[in-house]
Amino acid sequence: MAVKHIPTGEVHQGQKGGKTGCGVDTTVKSDHWVNSYERITCAKNGCK
């Protein structure tokens, strides 16, 4: 599963309501995040 950060358009590994693969907490400003099936675009450790 992937989660997309709407303001930047960046797609991370993980899901809404938890943490991304690179450690970003999606519960902070949760309206900025949406679950997605798009290809992961984050190049940080844990996501790629």
PDB file of N, CA and C in Angstrom:
ATOM      1  N   MET A   1       0.852  -1.182   0.000  1.00  0.00           N
ATOM      2  CA  MET A   1       0.000   0.000   0.000  1.00  0.00           C
ATOM      3  C   MET A   1       0.895   1.242   0.000  1.00  0.00           C
ATOM      4  N   ALA A   2       0.408   2.270  -0.621  1.00  0.00           N
ATOM      5  CA  ALA A   2       1.129   3.535  -0.683  1.00  0.00           C
ATOM      6  C   ALA A   2       0.231   4.636  -0.128  1.00  0.00           C
ATOM      7  N   VAL A   3       0.853   5.705   0.296  1.00  0.00           N
ATOM      8  CA  VAL A   3       0.112   6.866   0.798  1.00  0.00           C
ATOM      9  C   VAL A   3       0.686   8.113   0.126  1.00  0.00           C
ATOM     10  N   LYS A   4      -0.203   8.972  -0.357  1.00  0.00           N
ATOM     11  CA  LYS A   4       0.217  10.160  -1.109  1.00  0.00           C
ATOM     12  C   LYS A   4       0.054  11.412  -0.259  1.00  0.00           C
ATOM     13  N   HIS A   5       1.090  12.262  -0.271  1.00  0.00           N
ATOM     14  CA  HIS A   5       1.038  13.559   0.393  1.00  0.00           C
ATOM     15  C   HIS A   5       0.495  14.543  -0.639  1.00  0.00           C
ATOM     16  N   ILE A   6      -0.717  15.002  -0.441  1.00  0.00           N
ATOM     17  CA  ILE A   6      -1.421  15.813  -1.435  1.00  0.00           C
ATOM     18  C   ILE A   6      -0.697  17.124  -1.775  1.00  0.00           C
ATOM     19  N   PRO A   7      -0.234  17.930  -0.779  1.00  0.00           N
ATOM     20  CA  PRO A   7       0.415  19.205  -1.137  1.00  0.00           C
ATOM     21  C   PRO A   7       1.656  19.059  -2.022  1.00  0.00           C
ATOM     22  N   THR A   8       2.455  18.002  -1.816  1.00  0.00           N
ATOM     23  CA  THR A   8       3.676  17.844  -2.605  1.00  0.00           C
ATOM     24  C   THR A   8       3.514  16.857  -3.748  1.00  0.00           C
ATOM     25  N   GLY A   9       2.509  15.977  -3.665  1.00  0.00           N
ATOM     26  CA  GLY A   9       2.310  14.955  -4.689  1.00  0.00           C
ATOM     27  C   GLY A   9       3.243  13.773  -4.542  1.00  0.00           C
ATOM     28  N   GLU A  10       4.012  13.733  -3.469  1.00  0.00           N
ATOM     29  CA  GLU A  10       4.962  12.641  -3.256  1.00  0.00           C
ATOM     30  C   GLU A  10       4.247  11.414  -2.705  1.00  0.00           C
ATOM     31  N   VAL A  11       4.584  10.236  -3.225  1.00  0.00           N
ATOM     32  CA  VAL A  11       3.961   8.986  -2.809  1.00  0.00           C
ATOM     33  C   VAL A  11       4.961   8.192  -1.972  1.00  0.00           C
ATOM     34  N   HIS A  12       4.531   7.802  -0.769  1.00  0.00           N
ATOM     35  CA  HIS A  12       5.381   7.081   0.178  1.00  0.00           C
ATOM     36  C   HIS A  12       4.854   5.669   0.398  1.00  0.00           C
ATOM     37  N   GLN A  13       5.718   4.791   0.908  1.00  0.00           N
ATOM     38  CA  GLN A  13       5.282   3.465   1.333  1.00  0.00           C
ATOM     39  C   GLN A  13       4.585   3.607   2.678  1.00  0.00           C
ATOM     40  N   GLY A  14       3.490   2.890   2.886  1.00  0.00           N
ATOM     41  CA  GLY A  14       2.768   2.952   4.147  1.00  0.00           C
ATOM     42  C   GLY A  14       1.290   3.157   3.903  1.00  0.00           C
ATOM     43  N   GLN A  15       0.577   3.595   4.934  1.00  0.00           N
ATOM     44  CA  GLN A  15      -0.846   3.868   4.783  1.00  0.00           C
ATOM     45  C   GLN A  15      -1.260   4.990   5.707  1.00  0.00           C
ATOM     46  N   LYS A  16      -2.380   5.611   5.387  1.00  0.00           N
ATOM     47  CA  LYS A  16      -2.896   6.727   6.177  1.00  0.00           C
ATOM     48  C   LYS A  16      -3.237   6.238   7.580  1.00  0.00           C
ATOM     49  N   GLY A  17      -2.904   7.044   8.591  1.00  0.00           N
ATOM     50  CA  GLY A  17      -3.190   6.684   9.973  1.00  0.00           C
ATOM     51  C   GLY A  17      -2.020   6.040  10.681  1.00  0.00           C
ATOM     52  N   GLY A  18      -0.857   6.028  10.053  1.00  0.00           N
ATOM     53  CA  GLY A  18       0.342   5.436  10.654  1.00  0.00           C
ATOM     54  C   GLY A  18       1.571   6.221  10.245  1.00  0.00           C
ATOM     55  N   LYS A  19       2.663   5.504  10.034  1.00  0.00           N
ATOM     56  CA  LYS A  19       3.902   6.135   9.591  1.00  0.00           C
ATOM     57  C   LYS A  19       4.269   5.615   8.213  1.00  0.00           C
ATOM     58  N   THR A  20       4.922   6.464   7.447  1.00  0.00           N
ATOM     59  CA  THR A  20       5.426   6.049   6.142  1.00  0.00           C
ATOM     60  C   THR A  20       6.695   5.236   6.338  1.00  0.00           C
ATOM     61  N   GLY A  21       7.167   4.626   5.264  1.00  0.00           N
ATOM     62  CA  GLY A  21       8.399   3.843   5.324  1.00  0.00           C
ATOM     63  C   GLY A  21       9.592   4.663   5.776  1.00  0.00           C
ATOM     64  N   CYS A  22       9.608   5.968   5.461  1.00  0.00           N
ATOM     65  CA  CYS A  22      10.733   6.831   5.847  1.00  0.00           C
ATOM     66  C   CYS A  22      10.487   7.536   7.178  1.00  0.00           C
ATOM     67  N   GLY A  23       9.383   7.200   7.865  1.00  0.00           N
ATOM     68  CA  GLY A  23       9.173   7.691   9.225  1.00  0.00           C
ATOM     69  C   GLY A  23       8.294   8.910   9.401  1.00  0.00           C
ATOM     70  N   VAL A  24       7.602   9.370   8.361  1.00  0.00           N
ATOM     71  CA  VAL A  24       6.709  10.520   8.480  1.00  0.00           C
ATOM     72  C   VAL A  24       5.393  10.058   9.099  1.00  0.00           C
ATOM     73  N   ASP A  25       4.917  10.778  10.113  1.00  0.00           N
ATOM     74  CA  ASP A  25       3.667  10.439  10.796  1.00  0.00           C
ATOM     75  C   ASP A  25       2.488  11.011  10.009  1.00  0.00           C
ATOM     76  N   THR A  26       1.629  10.137   9.476  1.00  0.00           N
ATOM     77  CA  THR A  26       0.507  10.596   8.652  1.00  0.00           C
ATOM     78  C   THR A  26      -0.694  11.030   9.474  1.00  0.00           C
ATOM     79  N   THR A  27      -0.629  10.890  10.806  1.00  0.00           N
ATOM     80  CA  THR A  27      -1.735  11.353  11.634  1.00  0.00           C
ATOM     81  C   THR A  27      -1.654  12.859  11.880  1.00  0.00           C
ATOM     82  N   VAL A  28      -0.470  13.438  11.682  1.00  0.00           N
ATOM     83  CA  VAL A  28      -0.306  14.887  11.782  1.00  0.00           C
ATOM     84  C   VAL A  28      -0.794  15.482  10.459  1.00  0.00           C
ATOM     85  N   LYS A  29      -1.739  16.428  10.529  1.00  0.00           N
ATOM     86  CA  LYS A  29      -2.362  17.001   9.326  1.00  0.00           C
ATOM     87  C   LYS A  29      -2.870  15.878   8.422  1.00  0.00           C
ATOM     88  N   SER A  30      -3.702  15.010   8.980  1.00  0.00           N
ATOM     89  CA  SER A  30      -4.162  13.816   8.259  1.00  0.00           C
ATOM     90  C   SER A  30      -4.941  14.152   6.987  1.00  0.00           C
ATOM     91  N   ASP A  31      -5.473  15.374   6.886  1.00  0.00           N
ATOM     92  CA  ASP A  31      -6.185  15.753   5.668  1.00  0.00           C
ATOM     93  C   ASP A  31      -5.234  15.986   4.491  1.00  0.00           C
ATOM     94  N   HIS A  32      -3.925  15.984   4.746  1.00  0.00           N
ATOM     95  CA  HIS A  32      -2.921  16.136   3.686  1.00  0.00           C
ATOM     96  C   HIS A  32      -2.514  14.793   3.093  1.00  0.00           C
ATOM     97  N   TRP A  33      -3.051  13.689   3.614  1.00  0.00           N
ATOM     98  CA  TRP A  33      -2.649  12.341   3.191  1.00  0.00           C
ATOM     99  C   TRP A  33      -3.838  11.568   2.644  1.00  0.00           C
ATOM    100  N   VAL A  34      -3.591  10.732   1.646  1.00  0.00           N
ATOM    101  CA  VAL A  34      -4.631   9.872   1.089  1.00  0.00           C
ATOM    102  C   VAL A  34      -3.985   8.549   0.661  1.00  0.00           C
ATOM    103  N   ASN A  35      -4.676   7.417   0.951  1.00  0.00           N
ATOM    104  CA  ASN A  35      -4.185   6.119   0.498  1.00  0.00           C
ATOM    105  C   ASN A  35      -4.206   6.083  -1.019  1.00  0.00           C
ATOM    106  N   SER A  36      -3.226   5.409  -1.605  1.00  0.00           N
ATOM    107  CA  SER A  36      -3.055   5.433  -3.050  1.00  0.00           C
ATOM    108  C   SER A  36      -2.480   4.104  -3.535  1.00  0.00           C
ATOM    109  N   TYR A  37      -2.686   3.814  -4.805  1.00  0.00           N
ATOM    110  CA  TYR A  37      -2.062   2.647  -5.447  1.00  0.00           C
ATOM    111  C   TYR A  37      -1.040   3.096  -6.478  1.00  0.00           C
ATOM    112  N   GLU A  38      -0.645   4.368  -6.412  1.00  0.00           N
ATOM    113  CA  GLU A  38       0.349   4.902  -7.349  1.00  0.00           C
ATOM    114  C   GLU A  38       1.742   4.355  -7.007  1.00  0.00           C
ATOM    115  N   ARG A  39       2.650   4.490  -7.959  1.00  0.00           N
ATOM    116  CA  ARG A  39       4.040   4.067  -7.756  1.00  0.00           C
ATOM    117  C   ARG A  39       4.696   4.982  -6.726  1.00  0.00           C
ATOM    118  N   ILE A  40       5.480   4.407  -5.817  1.00  0.00           N
ATOM    119  CA  ILE A  40       6.165   5.164  -4.780  1.00  0.00           C
ATOM    120  C   ILE A  40       7.223   6.063  -5.400  1.00  0.00           C
ATOM    121  N   THR A  41       7.190   7.353  -5.038  1.00  0.00           N
ATOM    122  CA  THR A  41       8.143   8.322  -5.618  1.00  0.00           C
ATOM    123  C   THR A  41       9.151   8.823  -4.589  1.00  0.00           C
ATOM    124  N   CYS A  42       8.953   8.514  -3.306  1.00  0.00           N
ATOM    125  CA  CYS A  42       9.887   8.952  -2.264  1.00  0.00           C
ATOM    126  C   CYS A  42      11.180   8.154  -2.387  1.00  0.00           C
ATOM    127  N   ALA A  43      12.309   8.844  -2.396  1.00  0.00           N
ATOM    128  CA  ALA A  43      13.605   8.184  -2.561  1.00  0.00           C
ATOM    129  C   ALA A  43      14.339   7.995  -1.239  1.00  0.00           C
ATOM    130  N   LYS A  44      13.697   8.306  -0.112  1.00  0.00           N
ATOM    131  CA  LYS A  44      14.349   8.181   1.188  1.00  0.00           C
ATOM    132  C   LYS A  44      14.387   6.724   1.637  1.00  0.00           C
ATOM    133  N   ASN A  45      15.336   6.400   2.537  1.00  0.00           N
ATOM    134  CA  ASN A  45      15.450   5.051   3.077  1.00  0.00           C
ATOM    135  C   ASN A  45      14.150   4.637   3.730  1.00  0.00           C
ATOM    136  N   GLY A  46      13.707   3.412   3.471  1.00  0.00           N
ATOM    137  CA  GLY A  46      12.477   2.902   4.028  1.00  0.00           C
ATOM    138  C   GLY A  46      11.332   2.923   3.049  1.00  0.00           C
ATOM    139  N   CYS A  47      11.306   3.896   2.166  1.00  0.00           N
ATOM    140  CA  CYS A  47      10.265   3.967   1.138  1.00  0.00           C
ATOM    141  C   CYS A  47      10.716   3.263  -0.146  1.00  0.00           C
ATOM    142  N   LYS A  48      11.941   3.531  -0.601  1.00  0.00           N
ATOM    143  CA  LYS A  48      12.455   2.915  -1.819  1.00  0.00           C
ATOM    144  C   LYS A  48      13.177   1.633  -1.517  1.00  0.00           C
TER     145      LYS A  48
END
